[in-house]
């Protein structure tokens, strides 16, 4: 089953790297004709090639498959980055509001713990997507 647009996204990666099809095929360790088949959408990329593209060009494999955004990152990546930022800000805000003294390593331990919890259960989300202060306070009690 051909993935729609995969060839176009592969060409976009090549163009962003300013490579010819020949140079791209050499970087991936495949023949130029095989590369052209991938770029034309006549063949789907193998998992091995997808991994190589990720490693060599730092392109999200999910973006290669889904094509969600123009910058090489998929929607989930953006959601995760936003969630991590919100948790970090909420923890920092609670530390300030409560007048706590928390060493940086412990603060990051709290952020990482809350983020892991968020990723596994989405338990920290409320209407506005902000972490619950009661949960943040209970984690801060453990690290302060």
C-alpha atoms as a PDB file:
ATOM      1  CA  UNK A   1       0.000   0.000   0.000  1.00  0.00           C
ATOM      2  CA  UNK A   2       1.521   3.298  -1.098  1.00  0.00           C
ATOM      3  CA  UNK A   3       1.618   6.133   1.407  1.00  0.00           C
ATOM      4  CA  UNK A   4       0.153   9.223  -0.257  1.00  0.00           C
ATOM      5  CA  UNK A   5       2.625  12.089  -0.467  1.00  0.00           C
ATOM      6  CA  UNK A   6       5.592  10.101   0.847  1.00  0.00           C
ATOM      7  CA  UNK A   7       7.594  10.727  -2.325  1.00  0.00           C
ATOM      8  CA  UNK A   8       6.900  14.458  -2.110  1.00  0.00           C
ATOM      9  CA  UNK A   9       8.052  14.559   1.502  1.00  0.00           C
ATOM     10  CA  UNK A  10      11.188  12.601   0.591  1.00  0.00           C
ATOM     11  CA  UNK A  11      11.895  15.133  -2.175  1.00  0.00           C
ATOM     12  CA  UNK A  12      11.312  17.945   0.346  1.00  0.00           C
ATOM     13  CA  UNK A  13      13.907  16.430   2.691  1.00  0.00           C
ATOM     14  CA  UNK A  14      16.370  16.164  -0.199  1.00  0.00           C
ATOM     15  CA  UNK A  15      15.705  19.757  -1.283  1.00  0.00           C
ATOM     16  CA  UNK A  16      16.085  21.077   2.276  1.00  0.00           C
ATOM     17  CA  UNK A  17      19.455  19.305   2.420  1.00  0.00           C
ATOM     18  CA  UNK A  18      20.310  20.818  -1.000  1.00  0.00           C
ATOM     19  CA  UNK A  19      21.211  17.446  -2.452  1.00  0.00           C
ATOM     20  CA  UNK A  20      20.777  16.022  -5.922  1.00  0.00           C
ATOM     21  CA  UNK A  21      18.994  12.699  -6.304  1.00  0.00           C
ATOM     22  CA  UNK A  22      22.394  11.082  -6.884  1.00  0.00           C
ATOM     23  CA  UNK A  23      23.846  12.574  -3.667  1.00  0.00           C
ATOM     24  CA  UNK A  24      20.736  11.609  -1.703  1.00  0.00           C
ATOM     25  CA  UNK A  25      20.872   8.033  -2.952  1.00  0.00           C
ATOM     26  CA  UNK A  26      24.550   7.830  -1.961  1.00  0.00           C
ATOM     27  CA  UNK A  27      23.796   9.119   1.575  1.00  0.00           C
ATOM     28  CA  UNK A  28      21.112   6.444   1.910  1.00  0.00           C
ATOM     29  CA  UNK A  29      23.306   3.709   0.391  1.00  0.00           C
ATOM     30  CA  UNK A  30      20.916   2.857  -2.433  1.00  0.00           C
ATOM     31  CA  UNK A  31      21.014   3.167  -6.202  1.00  0.00           C
ATOM     32  CA  UNK A  32      19.799   6.333  -7.869  1.00  0.00           C
ATOM     33  CA  UNK A  33      17.065   4.424  -9.707  1.00  0.00           C
ATOM     34  CA  UNK A  34      15.814   2.917  -6.428  1.00  0.00           C
ATOM     35  CA  UNK A  35      15.812   6.380  -4.870  1.00  0.00           C
ATOM     36  CA  UNK A  36      13.887   7.792  -7.829  1.00  0.00           C
ATOM     37  CA  UNK A  37      11.255   5.072  -7.389  1.00  0.00           C
ATOM     38  CA  UNK A  38      10.824   6.111  -3.755  1.00  0.00           C
ATOM     39  CA  UNK A  39      10.588   9.783  -4.635  1.00  0.00           C
ATOM     40  CA  UNK A  40       8.094   9.137  -7.450  1.00  0.00           C
ATOM     41  CA  UNK A  41       5.933   7.159  -5.024  1.00  0.00           C
ATOM     42  CA  UNK A  42       6.376   3.928  -6.971  1.00  0.00           C
ATOM     43  CA  UNK A  43       7.793   2.194  -3.889  1.00  0.00           C
ATOM     44  CA  UNK A  44       7.231   2.700  -0.174  1.00  0.00           C
ATOM     45  CA  UNK A  45      10.252   3.401   1.991  1.00  0.00           C
ATOM     46  CA  UNK A  46      11.481   0.470   4.014  1.00  0.00           C
ATOM     47  CA  UNK A  47      11.724   0.777   7.775  1.00  0.00           C
ATOM     48  CA  UNK A  48      15.504   0.679   7.397  1.00  0.00           C
ATOM     49  CA  UNK A  49      15.493   3.659   5.009  1.00  0.00           C
ATOM     50  CA  UNK A  50      13.046   5.538   7.204  1.00  0.00           C
ATOM     51  CA  UNK A  51      15.452   5.086  10.123  1.00  0.00           C
ATOM     52  CA  UNK A  52      18.378   6.265   7.993  1.00  0.00           C
ATOM     53  CA  UNK A  53      16.475   9.395   6.967  1.00  0.00           C
ATOM     54  CA  UNK A  54      15.747  10.080  10.627  1.00  0.00           C
ATOM     55  CA  UNK A  55      19.381   9.571  11.649  1.00  0.00           C
ATOM     56  CA  UNK A  56      21.000  11.455   8.766  1.00  0.00           C
ATOM     57  CA  UNK A  57      18.492  14.289   8.291  1.00  0.00           C
ATOM     58  CA  UNK A  58      16.760  14.432  11.709  1.00  0.00           C
ATOM     59  CA  UNK A  59      13.326  14.077  10.106  1.00  0.00           C
ATOM     60  CA  UNK A  60      10.516  12.595  12.168  1.00  0.00           C
ATOM     61  CA  UNK A  61       9.469   9.232  10.632  1.00  0.00           C
ATOM     62  CA  UNK A  62       5.854   9.966  11.563  1.00  0.00           C
ATOM     63  CA  UNK A  63       6.020  13.170   9.551  1.00  0.00           C
ATOM     64  CA  UNK A  64       7.370  11.168   6.629  1.00  0.00           C
ATOM     65  CA  UNK A  65       4.312   8.916   6.866  1.00  0.00           C
ATOM     66  CA  UNK A  66       1.663  11.449   7.891  1.00  0.00           C
ATOM     67  CA  UNK A  67       2.915  14.745   6.543  1.00  0.00           C
ATOM     68  CA  UNK A  68       1.110  16.719   9.236  1.00  0.00           C
ATOM     69  CA  UNK A  69       3.247  19.824   9.259  1.00  0.00           C
ATOM     70  CA  UNK A  70       5.679  21.544   6.959  1.00  0.00           C
ATOM     71  CA  UNK A  71       8.668  21.617   9.288  1.00  0.00           C
ATOM     72  CA  UNK A  72       9.366  17.888   9.537  1.00  0.00           C
ATOM     73  CA  UNK A  73       7.640  17.337  12.862  1.00  0.00           C
ATOM     74  CA  UNK A  74       4.279  15.696  13.348  1.00  0.00           C
ATOM     75  CA  UNK A  75       1.328  17.071  15.308  1.00  0.00           C
ATOM     76  CA  UNK A  76       1.994  14.769  18.272  1.00  0.00           C
ATOM     77  CA  UNK A  77       5.512  16.171  18.587  1.00  0.00           C
ATOM     78  CA  UNK A  78       4.080  19.678  18.863  1.00  0.00           C
ATOM     79  CA  UNK A  79       1.483  18.563  21.443  1.00  0.00           C
ATOM     80  CA  UNK A  80       4.201  16.945  23.551  1.00  0.00           C
ATOM     81  CA  UNK A  81       6.404  20.052  23.416  1.00  0.00           C
ATOM     82  CA  UNK A  82       3.484  22.264  24.474  1.00  0.00           C
ATOM     83  CA  UNK A  83       2.553  19.898  27.318  1.00  0.00           C
ATOM     84  CA  UNK A  84       6.149  19.787  28.593  1.00  0.00           C
ATOM     85  CA  UNK A  85       6.362  23.586  28.525  1.00  0.00           C
ATOM     86  CA  UNK A  86       3.038  23.987  30.359  1.00  0.00           C
ATOM     87  CA  UNK A  87       4.118  21.561  33.060  1.00  0.00           C
ATOM     88  CA  UNK A  88       7.471  23.314  33.475  1.00  0.00           C
ATOM     89  CA  UNK A  89       5.839  26.724  33.769  1.00  0.00           C
ATOM     90  CA  UNK A  90       3.184  25.435  36.190  1.00  0.00           C
ATOM     91  CA  UNK A  91       5.823  23.862  38.447  1.00  0.00           C
ATOM     92  CA  UNK A  92       7.945  27.009  38.408  1.00  0.00           C
ATOM     93  CA  UNK A  93       4.870  29.137  39.174  1.00  0.00           C
ATOM     94  CA  UNK A  94       3.863  26.916  42.139  1.00  0.00           C
ATOM     95  CA  UNK A  95       7.392  27.041  43.550  1.00  0.00           C
ATOM     96  CA  UNK A  96       7.279  30.844  43.454  1.00  0.00           C
ATOM     97  CA  UNK A  97       3.690  31.119  44.762  1.00  0.00           C
ATOM     98  CA  UNK A  98       4.417  28.834  47.700  1.00  0.00           C
ATOM     99  CA  UNK A  99       7.816  30.389  48.433  1.00  0.00           C
ATOM    100  CA  UNK A 100       9.558  27.028  48.211  1.00  0.00           C
ATOM    101  CA  UNK A 101      13.273  26.504  47.938  1.00  0.00           C
ATOM    102  CA  UNK A 102      13.831  23.707  45.452  1.00  0.00           C
ATOM    103  CA  UNK A 103      17.245  23.007  43.954  1.00  0.00           C
ATOM    104  CA  UNK A 104      17.222  22.904  40.131  1.00  0.00           C
ATOM    105  CA  UNK A 105      17.825  19.141  39.964  1.00  0.00           C
ATOM    106  CA  UNK A 106      14.807  18.467  42.174  1.00  0.00           C
ATOM    107  CA  UNK A 107      12.661  20.922  40.215  1.00  0.00           C
ATOM    108  CA  UNK A 108      13.517  19.062  37.001  1.00  0.00           C
ATOM    109  CA  UNK A 109      12.849  15.755  38.737  1.00  0.00           C
ATOM    110  CA  UNK A 110       9.355  17.043  39.561  1.00  0.00           C
ATOM    111  CA  UNK A 111       8.788  18.270  36.013  1.00  0.00           C
ATOM    112  CA  UNK A 112       9.962  14.980  34.520  1.00  0.00           C
ATOM    113  CA  UNK A 113       7.824  12.968  36.927  1.00  0.00           C
ATOM    114  CA  UNK A 114       4.712  15.023  36.142  1.00  0.00           C
ATOM    115  CA  UNK A 115       5.432  14.882  32.424  1.00  0.00           C
ATOM    116  CA  UNK A 116       5.836  11.091  32.491  1.00  0.00           C
ATOM    117  CA  UNK A 117       2.579  10.851  34.380  1.00  0.00           C
ATOM    118  CA  UNK A 118       0.908  13.147  31.870  1.00  0.00           C
ATOM    119  CA  UNK A 119       2.167  11.092  28.923  1.00  0.00           C
ATOM    120  CA  UNK A 120       1.018   7.826  30.467  1.00  0.00           C
ATOM    121  CA  UNK A 121      -2.400   8.835  31.743  1.00  0.00           C
ATOM    122  CA  UNK A 122      -3.168  12.403  30.670  1.00  0.00           C
ATOM    123  CA  UNK A 123      -4.198  12.766  34.335  1.00  0.00           C
ATOM    124  CA  UNK A 124      -2.856  16.290  34.667  1.00  0.00           C
ATOM    125  CA  UNK A 125      -5.105  17.827  32.047  1.00  0.00           C
ATOM    126  CA  UNK A 126      -8.073  19.929  32.912  1.00  0.00           C
ATOM    127  CA  UNK A 127     -10.245  22.138  30.705  1.00  0.00           C
ATOM    128  CA  UNK A 128      -7.467  24.585  29.734  1.00  0.00           C
ATOM    129  CA  UNK A 129      -4.793  21.921  29.453  1.00  0.00           C
ATOM    130  CA  UNK A 130      -2.995  23.164  32.548  1.00  0.00           C
ATOM    131  CA  UNK A 131      -1.676  20.745  35.181  1.00  0.00           C
ATOM    132  CA  UNK A 132      -3.663  20.601  38.415  1.00  0.00           C
ATOM    133  CA  UNK A 133      -2.002  22.553  41.219  1.00  0.00           C
ATOM    134  CA  UNK A 134      -2.930  19.935  43.829  1.00  0.00           C
ATOM    135  CA  UNK A 135      -0.982  17.305  41.891  1.00  0.00           C
ATOM    136  CA  UNK A 136       1.962  19.653  41.432  1.00  0.00           C
ATOM    137  CA  UNK A 137       1.944  20.455  45.163  1.00  0.00           C
ATOM    138  CA  UNK A 138       1.995  16.778  46.127  1.00  0.00           C
ATOM    139  CA  UNK A 139       4.977  16.118  43.849  1.00  0.00           C
ATOM    140  CA  UNK A 140       6.792  19.216  45.103  1.00  0.00           C
ATOM    141  CA  UNK A 141       6.340  17.996  48.683  1.00  0.00           C
ATOM    142  CA  UNK A 142       8.244  14.886  47.686  1.00  0.00           C
ATOM    143  CA  UNK A 143      11.195  16.752  46.190  1.00  0.00           C
ATOM    144  CA  UNK A 144      11.496  19.799  48.465  1.00  0.00           C
END
